[in-house]
Amino acid sequence: FYGGAPKGEAARYIREKYGLECFVLLVSRFE
C-alpha cells in the first residue's frame, strides 16, 4: 500500500479496467 504506482498511473489503470474515474471511495463490509 506504500509507494507503488503514482496517482496518475493508478487512475489510468482503474479507468481502463473498471471504467471508473473521478470517484469518492469507501472500502467496508455492509453493516
PDB file of all heavy atoms in Angstrom:
ATOM      1  N   PHE A   1       0.821  -1.211   0.000  1.00  0.00           N
ATOM      2  CA  PHE A   1       0.000   0.000   0.000  1.00  0.00           C
ATOM      3  C   PHE A   1       0.857   1.264   0.000  1.00  0.00           C
ATOM      4  O   PHE A   1       0.369   2.348  -0.307  1.00  0.00           O
ATOM      5  CB  PHE A   1      -0.955   0.014   1.199  1.00  0.00           C
ATOM      6  CG  PHE A   1      -2.065  -0.977   1.080  1.00  0.00           C
ATOM      7  CD1 PHE A   1      -2.031  -2.170   1.796  1.00  0.00           C
ATOM      8  CD2 PHE A   1      -3.147  -0.751   0.236  1.00  0.00           C
ATOM      9  CE1 PHE A   1      -3.055  -3.101   1.677  1.00  0.00           C
ATOM     10  CE2 PHE A   1      -4.172  -1.665   0.114  1.00  0.00           C
ATOM     11  CZ  PHE A   1      -4.127  -2.844   0.834  1.00  0.00           C
ATOM     12  N   TYR A   2       2.118   1.148   0.363  1.00  0.00           N
ATOM     13  CA  TYR A   2       3.029   2.286   0.353  1.00  0.00           C
ATOM     14  C   TYR A   2       3.718   2.370  -1.012  1.00  0.00           C
ATOM     15  O   TYR A   2       3.983   1.356  -1.645  1.00  0.00           O
ATOM     16  CB  TYR A   2       4.098   2.132   1.440  1.00  0.00           C
ATOM     17  CG  TYR A   2       3.551   2.044   2.838  1.00  0.00           C
ATOM     18  CD1 TYR A   2       3.315   0.811   3.439  1.00  0.00           C
ATOM     19  CD2 TYR A   2       3.268   3.195   3.565  1.00  0.00           C
ATOM     20  CE1 TYR A   2       2.819   0.718   4.729  1.00  0.00           C
ATOM     21  CE2 TYR A   2       2.769   3.115   4.858  1.00  0.00           C
ATOM     22  CZ  TYR A   2       2.551   1.870   5.434  1.00  0.00           C
ATOM     23  OH  TYR A   2       2.044   1.781   6.712  1.00  0.00           O
ATOM     24  N   GLY A   3       4.052   3.570  -1.429  1.00  0.00           N
ATOM     25  CA  GLY A   3       4.790   3.720  -2.680  1.00  0.00           C
ATOM     26  C   GLY A   3       3.976   3.219  -3.853  1.00  0.00           C
ATOM     27  O   GLY A   3       2.790   3.511  -3.989  1.00  0.00           O
ATOM     28  N   GLY A   4       4.611   2.422  -4.707  1.00  0.00           N
ATOM     29  CA  GLY A   4       3.905   1.872  -5.855  1.00  0.00           C
ATOM     30  C   GLY A   4       3.666   2.888  -6.954  1.00  0.00           C
ATOM     31  O   GLY A   4       4.376   3.885  -7.084  1.00  0.00           O
ATOM     32  N   ALA A   5       2.630   2.621  -7.745  1.00  0.00           N
ATOM     33  CA  ALA A   5       2.342   3.446  -8.909  1.00  0.00           C
ATOM     34  C   ALA A   5       1.945   4.861  -8.497  1.00  0.00           C
ATOM     35  O   ALA A   5       1.260   5.050  -7.495  1.00  0.00           O
ATOM     36  CB  ALA A   5       1.204   2.811  -9.717  1.00  0.00           C
ATOM     37  N   PRO A   6       2.366   5.882  -9.269  1.00  0.00           N
ATOM     38  CA  PRO A   6       1.898   7.241  -8.998  1.00  0.00           C
ATOM     39  C   PRO A   6       0.397   7.350  -9.220  1.00  0.00           C
ATOM     40  O   PRO A   6      -0.221   6.497  -9.866  1.00  0.00           O
ATOM     41  CB  PRO A   6       2.662   8.106 -10.014  1.00  0.00           C
ATOM     42  CG  PRO A   6       3.624   7.222 -10.702  1.00  0.00           C
ATOM     43  CD  PRO A   6       3.269   5.810 -10.404  1.00  0.00           C
ATOM     44  N   LYS A   7      -0.200   8.419  -8.685  1.00  0.00           N
ATOM     45  CA  LYS A   7      -1.655   8.591  -8.752  1.00  0.00           C
ATOM     46  C   LYS A   7      -2.172   8.553 -10.194  1.00  0.00           C
ATOM     47  O   LYS A   7      -3.183   7.915 -10.484  1.00  0.00           O
ATOM     48  CB  LYS A   7      -2.064   9.899  -8.079  1.00  0.00           C
ATOM     49  CG  LYS A   7      -3.579  10.103  -8.008  1.00  0.00           C
ATOM     50  CD  LYS A   7      -3.941  11.369  -7.266  1.00  0.00           C
ATOM     51  CE  LYS A   7      -5.446  11.579  -7.205  1.00  0.00           C
ATOM     52  NZ  LYS A   7      -6.128  10.551  -6.392  1.00  0.00           N
ATOM     53  N   GLY A   8      -1.466   9.225 -11.109  1.00  0.00           N
ATOM     54  CA  GLY A   8      -1.923   9.257 -12.496  1.00  0.00           C
ATOM     55  C   GLY A   8      -1.947   7.878 -13.126  1.00  0.00           C
ATOM     56  O   GLY A   8      -2.887   7.524 -13.849  1.00  0.00           O
ATOM     57  N   GLU A   9      -0.928   7.092 -12.845  1.00  0.00           N
ATOM     58  CA  GLU A   9      -0.875   5.733 -13.388  1.00  0.00           C
ATOM     59  C   GLU A   9      -1.966   4.860 -12.780  1.00  0.00           C
ATOM     60  O   GLU A   9      -2.596   4.050 -13.468  1.00  0.00           O
ATOM     61  CB  GLU A   9       0.506   5.137 -13.125  1.00  0.00           C
ATOM     62  CG  GLU A   9       0.708   3.758 -13.726  1.00  0.00           C
ATOM     63  CD  GLU A   9       2.097   3.218 -13.436  1.00  0.00           C
ATOM     64  OE1 GLU A   9       3.045   4.032 -13.361  1.00  0.00           O
ATOM     65  OE2 GLU A   9       2.238   1.986 -13.262  1.00  0.00           O
ATOM     66  N   ALA A  10      -2.201   5.013 -11.460  1.00  0.00           N
ATOM     67  CA  ALA A  10      -3.269   4.254 -10.801  1.00  0.00           C
ATOM     68  C   ALA A  10      -4.628   4.629 -11.369  1.00  0.00           C
ATOM     69  O   ALA A  10      -5.476   3.760 -11.613  1.00  0.00           O
ATOM     70  CB  ALA A  10      -3.231   4.510  -9.296  1.00  0.00           C
ATOM     71  N   ALA A  11      -4.846   5.928 -11.589  1.00  0.00           N
ATOM     72  CA  ALA A  11      -6.123   6.382 -12.155  1.00  0.00           C
ATOM     73  C   ALA A  11      -6.337   5.801 -13.549  1.00  0.00           C
ATOM     74  O   ALA A  11      -7.456   5.396 -13.902  1.00  0.00           O
ATOM     75  CB  ALA A  11      -6.151   7.903 -12.201  1.00  0.00           C
ATOM     76  N   ARG A  12      -5.267   5.745 -14.345  1.00  0.00           N
ATOM     77  CA  ARG A  12      -5.382   5.175 -15.693  1.00  0.00           C
ATOM     78  C   ARG A  12      -5.708   3.682 -15.631  1.00  0.00           C
ATOM     79  O   ARG A  12      -6.554   3.178 -16.391  1.00  0.00           O
ATOM     80  CB  ARG A  12      -4.085   5.404 -16.458  1.00  0.00           C
ATOM     81  CG  ARG A  12      -4.109   4.919 -17.900  1.00  0.00           C
ATOM     82  CD  ARG A  12      -2.948   5.464 -18.704  1.00  0.00           C
ATOM     83  NE  ARG A  12      -1.653   5.147 -18.099  1.00  0.00           N
ATOM     84  CZ  ARG A  12      -0.889   6.042 -17.480  1.00  0.00           C
ATOM     85  NH1 ARG A  12      -1.285   7.303 -17.364  1.00  0.00           N
ATOM     86  NH2 ARG A  12       0.272   5.673 -16.965  1.00  0.00           N
ATOM     87  N   TYR A  13      -5.078   2.980 -14.691  1.00  0.00           N
ATOM     88  CA  TYR A  13      -5.333   1.538 -14.536  1.00  0.00           C
ATOM     89  C   TYR A  13      -6.798   1.282 -14.179  1.00  0.00           C
ATOM     90  O   TYR A  13      -7.444   0.410 -14.774  1.00  0.00           O
ATOM     91  CB  TYR A  13      -4.417   0.985 -13.445  1.00  0.00           C
ATOM     92  CG  TYR A  13      -4.619  -0.478 -13.132  1.00  0.00           C
ATOM     93  CD1 TYR A  13      -3.975  -1.463 -13.866  1.00  0.00           C
ATOM     94  CD2 TYR A  13      -5.463  -0.886 -12.088  1.00  0.00           C
ATOM     95  CE1 TYR A  13      -4.158  -2.810 -13.578  1.00  0.00           C
ATOM     96  CE2 TYR A  13      -5.649  -2.228 -11.792  1.00  0.00           C
ATOM     97  CZ  TYR A  13      -4.992  -3.174 -12.538  1.00  0.00           C
ATOM     98  OH  TYR A  13      -5.187  -4.503 -12.261  1.00  0.00           O
ATOM     99  N   ILE A  14      -7.334   2.032 -13.201  1.00  0.00           N
ATOM    100  CA  ILE A  14      -8.727   1.846 -12.778  1.00  0.00           C
ATOM    101  C   ILE A  14      -9.686   2.252 -13.895  1.00  0.00           C
ATOM    102  O   ILE A  14     -10.715   1.586 -14.111  1.00  0.00           O
ATOM    103  CB  ILE A  14      -9.008   2.649 -11.495  1.00  0.00           C
ATOM    104  CG1 ILE A  14      -8.166   2.115 -10.330  1.00  0.00           C
ATOM    105  CG2 ILE A  14     -10.496   2.620 -11.140  1.00  0.00           C
ATOM    106  CD1 ILE A  14      -8.427   0.669  -9.964  1.00  0.00           C
ATOM    107  N   ARG A  15      -9.357   3.298 -14.625  1.00  0.00           N
ATOM    108  CA  ARG A  15     -10.225   3.724 -15.728  1.00  0.00           C
ATOM    109  C   ARG A  15     -10.283   2.659 -16.824  1.00  0.00           C
ATOM    110  O   ARG A  15     -11.353   2.340 -17.340  1.00  0.00           O
ATOM    111  CB  ARG A  15      -9.706   5.047 -16.305  1.00  0.00           C
ATOM    112  CG  ARG A  15     -10.579   5.597 -17.440  1.00  0.00           C
ATOM    113  CD  ARG A  15     -10.137   6.974 -17.871  1.00  0.00           C
ATOM    114  NE  ARG A  15      -8.775   6.988 -18.398  1.00  0.00           N
ATOM    115  CZ  ARG A  15      -7.719   7.524 -17.782  1.00  0.00           C
ATOM    116  NH1 ARG A  15      -7.865   8.101 -16.601  1.00  0.00           N
ATOM    117  NH2 ARG A  15      -6.519   7.484 -18.334  1.00  0.00           N
ATOM    118  N   GLU A  16      -9.132   2.095 -17.166  1.00  0.00           N
ATOM    119  CA  GLU A  16      -9.091   1.117 -18.255  1.00  0.00           C
ATOM    120  C   GLU A  16      -9.701  -0.219 -17.857  1.00  0.00           C
ATOM    121  O   GLU A  16     -10.356  -0.878 -18.665  1.00  0.00           O
ATOM    122  CB  GLU A  16      -7.643   0.924 -18.713  1.00  0.00           C
ATOM    123  CG  GLU A  16      -7.072   2.152 -19.408  1.00  0.00           C
ATOM    124  CD  GLU A  16      -5.595   2.010 -19.750  1.00  0.00           C
ATOM    125  OE1 GLU A  16      -4.999   0.955 -19.371  1.00  0.00           O
ATOM    126  OE2 GLU A  16      -5.036   2.920 -20.389  1.00  0.00           O
ATOM    127  N   LYS A  17      -9.517  -0.632 -16.600  1.00  0.00           N
ATOM    128  CA  LYS A  17     -10.017  -1.947 -16.175  1.00  0.00           C
ATOM    129  C   LYS A  17     -11.459  -1.897 -15.693  1.00  0.00           C
ATOM    130  O   LYS A  17     -12.230  -2.831 -15.936  1.00  0.00           O
ATOM    131  CB  LYS A  17      -9.121  -2.524 -15.066  1.00  0.00           C
ATOM    132  CG  LYS A  17      -9.538  -3.918 -14.636  1.00  0.00           C
ATOM    133  CD  LYS A  17      -8.508  -4.581 -13.738  1.00  0.00           C
ATOM    134  CE  LYS A  17      -8.946  -5.993 -13.352  1.00  0.00           C
ATOM    135  NZ  LYS A  17      -7.948  -6.685 -12.492  1.00  0.00           N
ATOM    136  N   TYR A  18     -11.847  -0.801 -14.998  1.00  0.00           N
ATOM    137  CA  TYR A  18     -13.169  -0.741 -14.373  1.00  0.00           C
ATOM    138  C   TYR A  18     -14.068   0.348 -14.954  1.00  0.00           C
ATOM    139  O   TYR A  18     -15.248   0.419 -14.585  1.00  0.00           O
ATOM    140  CB  TYR A  18     -13.035  -0.518 -12.862  1.00  0.00           C
ATOM    141  CG  TYR A  18     -12.384  -1.671 -12.135  1.00  0.00           C
ATOM    142  CD1 TYR A  18     -11.005  -1.697 -11.934  1.00  0.00           C
ATOM    143  CD2 TYR A  18     -13.138  -2.740 -11.649  1.00  0.00           C
ATOM    144  CE1 TYR A  18     -10.398  -2.750 -11.265  1.00  0.00           C
ATOM    145  CE2 TYR A  18     -12.534  -3.795 -10.979  1.00  0.00           C
ATOM    146  CZ  TYR A  18     -11.158  -3.794 -10.787  1.00  0.00           C
ATOM    147  OH  TYR A  18     -10.569  -4.843 -10.117  1.00  0.00           O
ATOM    148  N   GLY A  19     -13.529   1.189 -15.838  1.00  0.00           N
ATOM    149  CA  GLY A  19     -14.333   2.262 -16.414  1.00  0.00           C
ATOM    150  C   GLY A  19     -14.701   3.338 -15.412  1.00  0.00           C
ATOM    151  O   GLY A  19     -15.733   4.007 -15.574  1.00  0.00           O
ATOM    152  N   LEU A  20     -13.886   3.537 -14.373  1.00  0.00           N
ATOM    153  CA  LEU A  20     -14.195   4.484 -13.303  1.00  0.00           C
ATOM    154  C   LEU A  20     -13.135   5.578 -13.242  1.00  0.00           C
ATOM    155  O   LEU A  20     -11.939   5.311 -13.382  1.00  0.00           O
ATOM    156  CB  LEU A  20     -14.248   3.773 -11.948  1.00  0.00           C
ATOM    157  CG  LEU A  20     -15.370   2.765 -11.753  1.00  0.00           C
ATOM    158  CD1 LEU A  20     -15.125   1.931 -10.503  1.00  0.00           C
ATOM    159  CD2 LEU A  20     -16.706   3.476 -11.654  1.00  0.00           C
ATOM    160  N   GLU A  21     -13.578   6.807 -13.031  1.00  0.00           N
ATOM    161  CA  GLU A  21     -12.675   7.918 -12.782  1.00  0.00           C
ATOM    162  C   GLU A  21     -13.401   8.985 -11.978  1.00  0.00           C
ATOM    163  O   GLU A  21     -14.635   8.997 -11.906  1.00  0.00           O
ATOM    164  CB  GLU A  21     -12.141   8.499 -14.087  1.00  0.00           C
ATOM    165  CG  GLU A  21     -13.198   8.973 -15.058  1.00  0.00           C
ATOM    166  CD  GLU A  21     -12.580   9.419 -16.372  1.00  0.00           C
ATOM    167  OE1 GLU A  21     -11.395   9.829 -16.373  1.00  0.00           O
ATOM    168  OE2 GLU A  21     -13.267   9.361 -17.392  1.00  0.00           O
ATOM    169  N   CYS A  22     -12.634   9.855 -11.366  1.00  0.00           N
ATOM    170  CA  CYS A  22     -13.167  10.944 -10.550  1.00  0.00           C
ATOM    171  C   CYS A  22     -14.180  10.408  -9.531  1.00  0.00           C
ATOM    172  O   CYS A  22     -15.364  10.686  -9.594  1.00  0.00           O
ATOM    173  CB  CYS A  22     -13.823  12.010 -11.436  1.00  0.00           C
ATOM    174  SG  CYS A  22     -14.214  13.548 -10.556  1.00  0.00           S
ATOM    175  N   PHE A  23     -13.686   9.635  -8.561  1.00  0.00           N
ATOM    176  CA  PHE A  23     -14.608   8.972  -7.626  1.00  0.00           C
ATOM    177  C   PHE A  23     -14.200   9.160  -6.177  1.00  0.00           C
ATOM    178  O   PHE A  23     -13.026   9.364  -5.847  1.00  0.00           O
ATOM    179  CB  PHE A  23     -14.744   7.476  -7.947  1.00  0.00           C
ATOM    180  CG  PHE A  23     -13.468   6.685  -7.866  1.00  0.00           C
ATOM    181  CD1 PHE A  23     -13.065   6.090  -6.673  1.00  0.00           C
ATOM    182  CD2 PHE A  23     -12.680   6.504  -9.000  1.00  0.00           C
ATOM    183  CE1 PHE A  23     -11.910   5.344  -6.598  1.00  0.00           C
ATOM    184  CE2 PHE A  23     -11.503   5.757  -8.937  1.00  0.00           C
ATOM    185  CZ  PHE A  23     -11.116   5.179  -7.735  1.00  0.00           C
ATOM    186  N   VAL A  24     -15.214   9.103  -5.326  1.00  0.00           N
ATOM    187  CA  VAL A  24     -15.069   9.045  -3.874  1.00  0.00           C
ATOM    188  C   VAL A  24     -15.206   7.581  -3.472  1.00  0.00           C
ATOM    189  O   VAL A  24     -16.049   6.863  -4.015  1.00  0.00           O
ATOM    190  CB  VAL A  24     -16.143   9.913  -3.190  1.00  0.00           C
ATOM    191  CG1 VAL A  24     -16.103   9.731  -1.678  1.00  0.00           C
ATOM    192  CG2 VAL A  24     -15.947  11.382  -3.562  1.00  0.00           C
ATOM    193  N   LEU A  25     -14.402   7.128  -2.510  1.00  0.00           N
ATOM    194  CA  LEU A  25     -14.284   5.693  -2.222  1.00  0.00           C
ATOM    195  C   LEU A  25     -14.584   5.374  -0.768  1.00  0.00           C
ATOM    196  O   LEU A  25     -14.218   6.121   0.144  1.00  0.00           O
ATOM    197  CB  LEU A  25     -12.861   5.238  -2.557  1.00  0.00           C
ATOM    198  CG  LEU A  25     -12.484   3.772  -2.279  1.00  0.00           C
ATOM    199  CD1 LEU A  25     -13.278   2.822  -3.168  1.00  0.00           C
ATOM    200  CD2 LEU A  25     -10.982   3.574  -2.490  1.00  0.00           C
ATOM    201  N   LEU A  26     -15.250   4.227  -0.564  1.00  0.00           N
ATOM    202  CA  LEU A  26     -15.372   3.601   0.754  1.00  0.00           C
ATOM    203  C   LEU A  26     -15.123   2.116   0.590  1.00  0.00           C
ATOM    204  O   LEU A  26     -15.713   1.469  -0.283  1.00  0.00           O
ATOM    205  CB  LEU A  26     -16.771   3.830   1.351  1.00  0.00           C
ATOM    206  CG  LEU A  26     -17.119   3.018   2.616  1.00  0.00           C
ATOM    207  CD1 LEU A  26     -16.169   3.340   3.761  1.00  0.00           C
ATOM    208  CD2 LEU A  26     -18.556   3.264   3.050  1.00  0.00           C
ATOM    209  N   VAL A  27     -14.246   1.561   1.425  1.00  0.00           N
ATOM    210  CA  VAL A  27     -13.979   0.118   1.449  1.00  0.00           C
ATOM    211  C   VAL A  27     -14.456  -0.401   2.794  1.00  0.00           C
ATOM    212  O   VAL A  27     -13.908  -0.038   3.842  1.00  0.00           O
ATOM    213  CB  VAL A  27     -12.478  -0.179   1.259  1.00  0.00           C
ATOM    214  CG1 VAL A  27     -12.213  -1.684   1.360  1.00  0.00           C
ATOM    215  CG2 VAL A  27     -11.984   0.363  -0.080  1.00  0.00           C
ATOM    216  N   SER A  28     -15.498  -1.251   2.780  1.00  0.00           N
ATOM    217  CA  SER A  28     -16.077  -1.719   4.040  1.00  0.00           C
ATOM    218  C   SER A  28     -17.153  -2.751   3.758  1.00  0.00           C
ATOM    219  O   SER A  28     -17.844  -2.671   2.744  1.00  0.00           O
ATOM    220  CB  SER A  28     -16.695  -0.538   4.800  1.00  0.00           C
ATOM    221  OG  SER A  28     -17.390  -0.990   5.933  1.00  0.00           O
ATOM    222  N   ARG A  29     -17.291  -3.695   4.663  1.00  0.00           N
ATOM    223  CA  ARG A  29     -18.472  -4.558   4.629  1.00  0.00           C
ATOM    224  C   ARG A  29     -19.722  -3.720   4.868  1.00  0.00           C
ATOM    225  O   ARG A  29     -19.656  -2.620   5.396  1.00  0.00           O
ATOM    226  CB  ARG A  29     -18.371  -5.632   5.716  1.00  0.00           C
ATOM    227  CG  ARG A  29     -17.302  -6.674   5.480  1.00  0.00           C
ATOM    228  CD  ARG A  29     -17.250  -7.645   6.636  1.00  0.00           C
ATOM    229  NE  ARG A  29     -16.790  -7.014   7.861  1.00  0.00           N
ATOM    230  CZ  ARG A  29     -17.022  -7.480   9.079  1.00  0.00           C
ATOM    231  NH1 ARG A  29     -17.758  -8.568   9.236  1.00  0.00           N
ATOM    232  NH2 ARG A  29     -16.549  -6.858  10.140  1.00  0.00           N
ATOM    233  N   PHE A  30     -20.867  -4.282   4.513  1.00  0.00           N
ATOM    234  CA  PHE A  30     -22.134  -3.583   4.711  1.00  0.00           C
ATOM    235  C   PHE A  30     -22.783  -4.078   6.000  1.00  0.00           C
ATOM    236  O   PHE A  30     -23.220  -5.226   6.101  1.00  0.00           O
ATOM    237  CB  PHE A  30     -23.085  -3.843   3.524  1.00  0.00           C
ATOM    238  CG  PHE A  30     -22.747  -3.071   2.294  1.00  0.00           C
ATOM    239  CD1 PHE A  30     -21.576  -3.327   1.592  1.00  0.00           C
ATOM    240  CD2 PHE A  30     -23.590  -2.074   1.824  1.00  0.00           C
ATOM    241  CE1 PHE A  30     -21.258  -2.615   0.450  1.00  0.00           C
ATOM    242  CE2 PHE A  30     -23.285  -1.354   0.692  1.00  0.00           C
ATOM    243  CZ  PHE A  30     -22.114  -1.623   0.003  1.00  0.00           C
ATOM    244  N   GLU A  31     -22.797  -3.214   7.008  1.00  0.00           N
ATOM    245  CA  GLU A  31     -23.475  -3.449   8.270  1.00  0.00           C
ATOM    246  C   GLU A  31     -24.033  -2.111   8.737  1.00  0.00           C
ATOM    247  O   GLU A  31     -23.524  -1.062   8.327  1.00  0.00           O
ATOM    248  CB  GLU A  31     -22.493  -3.975   9.339  1.00  0.00           C
ATOM    249  CG  GLU A  31     -21.846  -5.303   9.020  1.00  0.00           C
ATOM    250  CD  GLU A  31     -20.893  -5.749  10.125  1.00  0.00           C
ATOM    251  OE1 GLU A  31     -20.919  -5.128  11.207  1.00  0.00           O
ATOM    252  OE2 GLU A  31     -20.134  -6.700   9.901  1.00  0.00           O
TER     253      GLU A  31
END
